[in-house]
Amino acid sequence: MGRGHVPLSTSVDAHQLHRFFDDKVAGVRASTADAPPPSFTTAPPGCVLSTFQTLDVDDVASEIRKLSDKQCVSAF
C-alpha cells in the first residue's frame, strides 16, 4: 500500500482501519503507562542550529521514496 503499490486487500473498511489505530494507540499507552516521565537536558554551550533550508513537498516525497519498504508482522 502506498508508493504506487496496489493494496493487499480491499476488505478493510474505514471503520476497521480506525479501530486498528485506536487499538494500536491504546496498546502503546498501556505498555508505557508505568514509564518514568521524560527527562530533558540542555544543549551544551556553543551548540547552535545556524543553517536551515526550506523543503517543499517534492523534496520530502523524494526522500521518503528512497526509504526501504518496511513492515512489522507484530503490527498485523
N, C-alpha and C. Protein backbone atom coordinates (compact mmCIF):
# COMPACT_ATOMS: atom_id res chain seq x y z
N MET A 1 0.84 -1.17 0.00
CA MET A 1 0.00 0.00 0.00
C MET A 1 0.89 1.23 0.00
N GLY A 2 0.51 2.24 -0.69
CA GLY A 2 1.31 3.45 -0.76
C GLY A 2 2.39 3.33 -1.80
N ARG A 3 3.03 4.42 -2.08
CA ARG A 3 4.13 4.48 -3.04
C ARG A 3 3.79 3.80 -4.36
N GLY A 4 2.55 3.91 -4.79
CA GLY A 4 2.16 3.36 -6.08
C GLY A 4 1.82 1.89 -6.06
N HIS A 5 1.88 1.25 -4.89
CA HIS A 5 1.56 -0.18 -4.80
C HIS A 5 0.05 -0.38 -4.64
N VAL A 6 -0.43 -1.47 -5.14
CA VAL A 6 -1.84 -1.83 -5.00
C VAL A 6 -2.05 -2.38 -3.59
N PRO A 7 -3.14 -1.99 -2.90
CA PRO A 7 -3.40 -2.53 -1.57
C PRO A 7 -3.48 -4.06 -1.62
N LEU A 8 -3.02 -4.71 -0.55
CA LEU A 8 -3.07 -6.16 -0.48
C LEU A 8 -4.50 -6.67 -0.38
N SER A 9 -5.39 -5.86 0.20
CA SER A 9 -6.75 -6.30 0.39
C SER A 9 -7.70 -5.11 0.27
N THR A 10 -8.86 -5.35 -0.26
CA THR A 10 -9.88 -4.30 -0.31
C THR A 10 -10.97 -4.59 0.72
N SER A 11 -10.76 -5.61 1.57
CA SER A 11 -11.79 -5.99 2.53
C SER A 11 -11.74 -5.17 3.81
N VAL A 12 -10.80 -4.27 3.96
CA VAL A 12 -10.71 -3.44 5.15
C VAL A 12 -11.41 -2.12 4.86
N ASP A 13 -12.41 -1.81 5.70
CA ASP A 13 -13.13 -0.56 5.50
C ASP A 13 -12.61 0.49 6.48
N ALA A 14 -13.14 1.71 6.37
CA ALA A 14 -12.68 2.82 7.20
C ALA A 14 -12.89 2.55 8.68
N HIS A 15 -13.99 1.92 9.04
CA HIS A 15 -14.27 1.62 10.46
C HIS A 15 -13.21 0.67 11.01
N GLN A 16 -12.88 -0.37 10.27
CA GLN A 16 -11.88 -1.33 10.71
C GLN A 16 -10.50 -0.67 10.83
N LEU A 17 -10.17 0.19 9.89
CA LEU A 17 -8.89 0.88 9.92
C LEU A 17 -8.82 1.80 11.14
N HIS A 18 -9.90 2.53 11.39
CA HIS A 18 -9.97 3.41 12.56
C HIS A 18 -9.81 2.60 13.84
N ARG A 19 -10.48 1.49 13.94
CA ARG A 19 -10.39 0.64 15.13
C ARG A 19 -8.98 0.09 15.32
N PHE A 20 -8.34 -0.30 14.22
CA PHE A 20 -6.97 -0.79 14.29
C PHE A 20 -6.06 0.25 14.94
N PHE A 21 -6.16 1.51 14.49
CA PHE A 21 -5.30 2.54 15.03
C PHE A 21 -5.68 2.91 16.47
N ASP A 22 -6.98 2.90 16.78
CA ASP A 22 -7.38 3.12 18.17
C ASP A 22 -6.78 2.05 19.07
N ASP A 23 -6.86 0.80 18.64
CA ASP A 23 -6.29 -0.31 19.42
C ASP A 23 -4.77 -0.18 19.53
N LYS A 24 -4.14 0.24 18.46
CA LYS A 24 -2.68 0.40 18.44
C LYS A 24 -2.26 1.47 19.45
N VAL A 25 -2.94 2.60 19.45
CA VAL A 25 -2.63 3.68 20.40
C VAL A 25 -2.89 3.22 21.83
N ALA A 26 -4.00 2.52 22.05
CA ALA A 26 -4.30 2.02 23.39
C ALA A 26 -3.22 1.05 23.87
N GLY A 27 -2.73 0.21 22.98
CA GLY A 27 -1.67 -0.73 23.33
C GLY A 27 -0.37 -0.03 23.71
N VAL A 28 -0.01 1.00 22.96
CA VAL A 28 1.20 1.76 23.26
C VAL A 28 1.05 2.46 24.61
N ARG A 29 -0.11 3.06 24.84
CA ARG A 29 -0.34 3.74 26.12
C ARG A 29 -0.28 2.76 27.28
N ALA A 30 -0.87 1.58 27.10
CA ALA A 30 -0.85 0.58 28.17
C ALA A 30 0.57 0.10 28.44
N SER A 31 1.36 -0.09 27.40
CA SER A 31 2.72 -0.61 27.59
C SER A 31 3.68 0.43 28.15
N THR A 32 3.31 1.70 28.07
CA THR A 32 4.19 2.75 28.59
C THR A 32 3.61 3.46 29.81
N ALA A 33 2.51 2.95 30.33
CA ALA A 33 1.82 3.61 31.44
C ALA A 33 2.71 3.76 32.67
N ASP A 34 3.57 2.79 32.94
CA ASP A 34 4.43 2.84 34.12
C ASP A 34 5.81 3.42 33.84
N ALA A 35 6.01 3.94 32.65
CA ALA A 35 7.32 4.51 32.29
C ALA A 35 7.54 5.82 33.04
N PRO A 36 8.78 6.11 33.40
CA PRO A 36 9.04 7.39 34.07
C PRO A 36 8.79 8.54 33.10
N PRO A 37 8.54 9.72 33.65
CA PRO A 37 8.33 10.86 32.76
C PRO A 37 9.61 11.16 31.98
N PRO A 38 9.47 11.79 30.82
CA PRO A 38 10.66 12.09 30.02
C PRO A 38 11.57 13.08 30.76
N SER A 39 12.84 12.96 30.48
CA SER A 39 13.79 13.93 31.05
C SER A 39 14.50 14.63 29.90
N PHE A 40 14.87 15.86 30.13
CA PHE A 40 15.50 16.66 29.10
C PHE A 40 16.76 17.29 29.65
N THR A 41 17.73 17.47 28.81
CA THR A 41 18.95 18.17 29.20
C THR A 41 19.14 19.34 28.24
N THR A 42 19.81 20.34 28.73
CA THR A 42 20.06 21.50 27.87
C THR A 42 21.19 21.18 26.90
N ALA A 43 21.20 21.86 25.81
CA ALA A 43 22.28 21.69 24.82
C ALA A 43 23.57 22.24 25.41
N PRO A 44 24.68 21.62 25.03
CA PRO A 44 25.96 22.12 25.55
C PRO A 44 26.24 23.54 25.08
N PRO A 45 27.02 24.28 25.85
CA PRO A 45 27.37 25.65 25.44
C PRO A 45 28.01 25.64 24.04
N GLY A 46 27.65 26.60 23.23
CA GLY A 46 28.22 26.71 21.89
C GLY A 46 27.48 25.91 20.84
N CYS A 47 26.52 25.10 21.24
CA CYS A 47 25.75 24.30 20.29
C CYS A 47 24.71 25.22 19.64
N VAL A 48 24.79 25.39 18.33
CA VAL A 48 23.92 26.33 17.63
C VAL A 48 23.38 25.67 16.37
N LEU A 49 22.10 25.86 16.12
CA LEU A 49 21.50 25.44 14.86
C LEU A 49 21.45 26.70 13.99
N SER A 50 22.44 26.85 13.16
CA SER A 50 22.58 28.11 12.44
C SER A 50 22.16 28.07 10.98
N THR A 51 22.00 26.88 10.41
CA THR A 51 21.68 26.81 8.99
C THR A 51 20.42 25.96 8.78
N PHE A 52 19.45 26.57 8.19
CA PHE A 52 18.22 25.87 7.85
C PHE A 52 17.96 26.05 6.36
N GLN A 53 17.29 25.07 5.79
CA GLN A 53 16.94 25.16 4.38
C GLN A 53 15.47 24.78 4.24
N THR A 54 14.73 25.56 3.48
CA THR A 54 13.32 25.27 3.26
C THR A 54 13.18 24.04 2.37
N LEU A 55 12.29 23.15 2.76
CA LEU A 55 11.98 21.96 1.96
C LEU A 55 10.56 22.09 1.46
N ASP A 56 10.33 21.68 0.23
CA ASP A 56 8.97 21.66 -0.26
C ASP A 56 8.47 20.21 -0.28
N VAL A 57 7.24 20.03 -0.61
CA VAL A 57 6.62 18.71 -0.59
C VAL A 57 7.37 17.74 -1.50
N ASP A 58 7.81 18.19 -2.64
CA ASP A 58 8.55 17.32 -3.57
C ASP A 58 9.86 16.83 -2.97
N ASP A 59 10.56 17.71 -2.21
CA ASP A 59 11.80 17.30 -1.55
C ASP A 59 11.54 16.17 -0.55
N VAL A 60 10.51 16.36 0.27
CA VAL A 60 10.18 15.37 1.29
C VAL A 60 9.74 14.07 0.64
N ALA A 61 8.87 14.15 -0.35
CA ALA A 61 8.39 12.95 -1.03
C ALA A 61 9.54 12.19 -1.69
N SER A 62 10.48 12.90 -2.28
CA SER A 62 11.62 12.27 -2.92
C SER A 62 12.46 11.50 -1.90
N GLU A 63 12.68 12.08 -0.74
CA GLU A 63 13.47 11.40 0.29
C GLU A 63 12.72 10.19 0.85
N ILE A 64 11.42 10.30 1.02
CA ILE A 64 10.62 9.18 1.53
C ILE A 64 10.67 8.02 0.54
N ARG A 65 10.62 8.30 -0.75
CA ARG A 65 10.68 7.25 -1.75
C ARG A 65 12.00 6.48 -1.72
N LYS A 66 13.04 7.10 -1.20
CA LYS A 66 14.34 6.44 -1.11
C LYS A 66 14.41 5.43 0.04
N LEU A 67 13.48 5.52 0.99
CA LEU A 67 13.46 4.61 2.13
C LEU A 67 13.03 3.22 1.69
N SER A 68 13.55 2.21 2.35
CA SER A 68 13.13 0.85 2.03
C SER A 68 11.74 0.60 2.58
N ASP A 69 10.98 -0.26 1.92
CA ASP A 69 9.66 -0.63 2.41
C ASP A 69 9.85 -1.50 3.64
N LYS A 70 9.13 -1.18 4.71
CA LYS A 70 9.26 -1.95 5.95
C LYS A 70 7.87 -2.25 6.48
N GLN A 71 7.77 -3.35 7.15
CA GLN A 71 6.55 -3.67 7.88
C GLN A 71 6.91 -4.60 9.01
N CYS A 72 6.08 -4.63 10.00
CA CYS A 72 6.33 -5.47 11.16
C CYS A 72 5.17 -6.44 11.29
N VAL A 73 5.47 -7.73 11.32
CA VAL A 73 4.43 -8.75 11.42
C VAL A 73 3.63 -8.59 12.70
N SER A 74 4.27 -8.13 13.77
CA SER A 74 3.56 -7.98 15.05
C SER A 74 2.49 -6.91 15.00
N ALA A 75 2.54 -6.03 14.01
CA ALA A 75 1.55 -4.95 13.89
C ALA A 75 0.26 -5.43 13.23
N PHE A 76 0.24 -6.64 12.71
CA PHE A 76 -0.96 -7.10 11.99
C PHE A 76 -1.72 -8.10 12.79
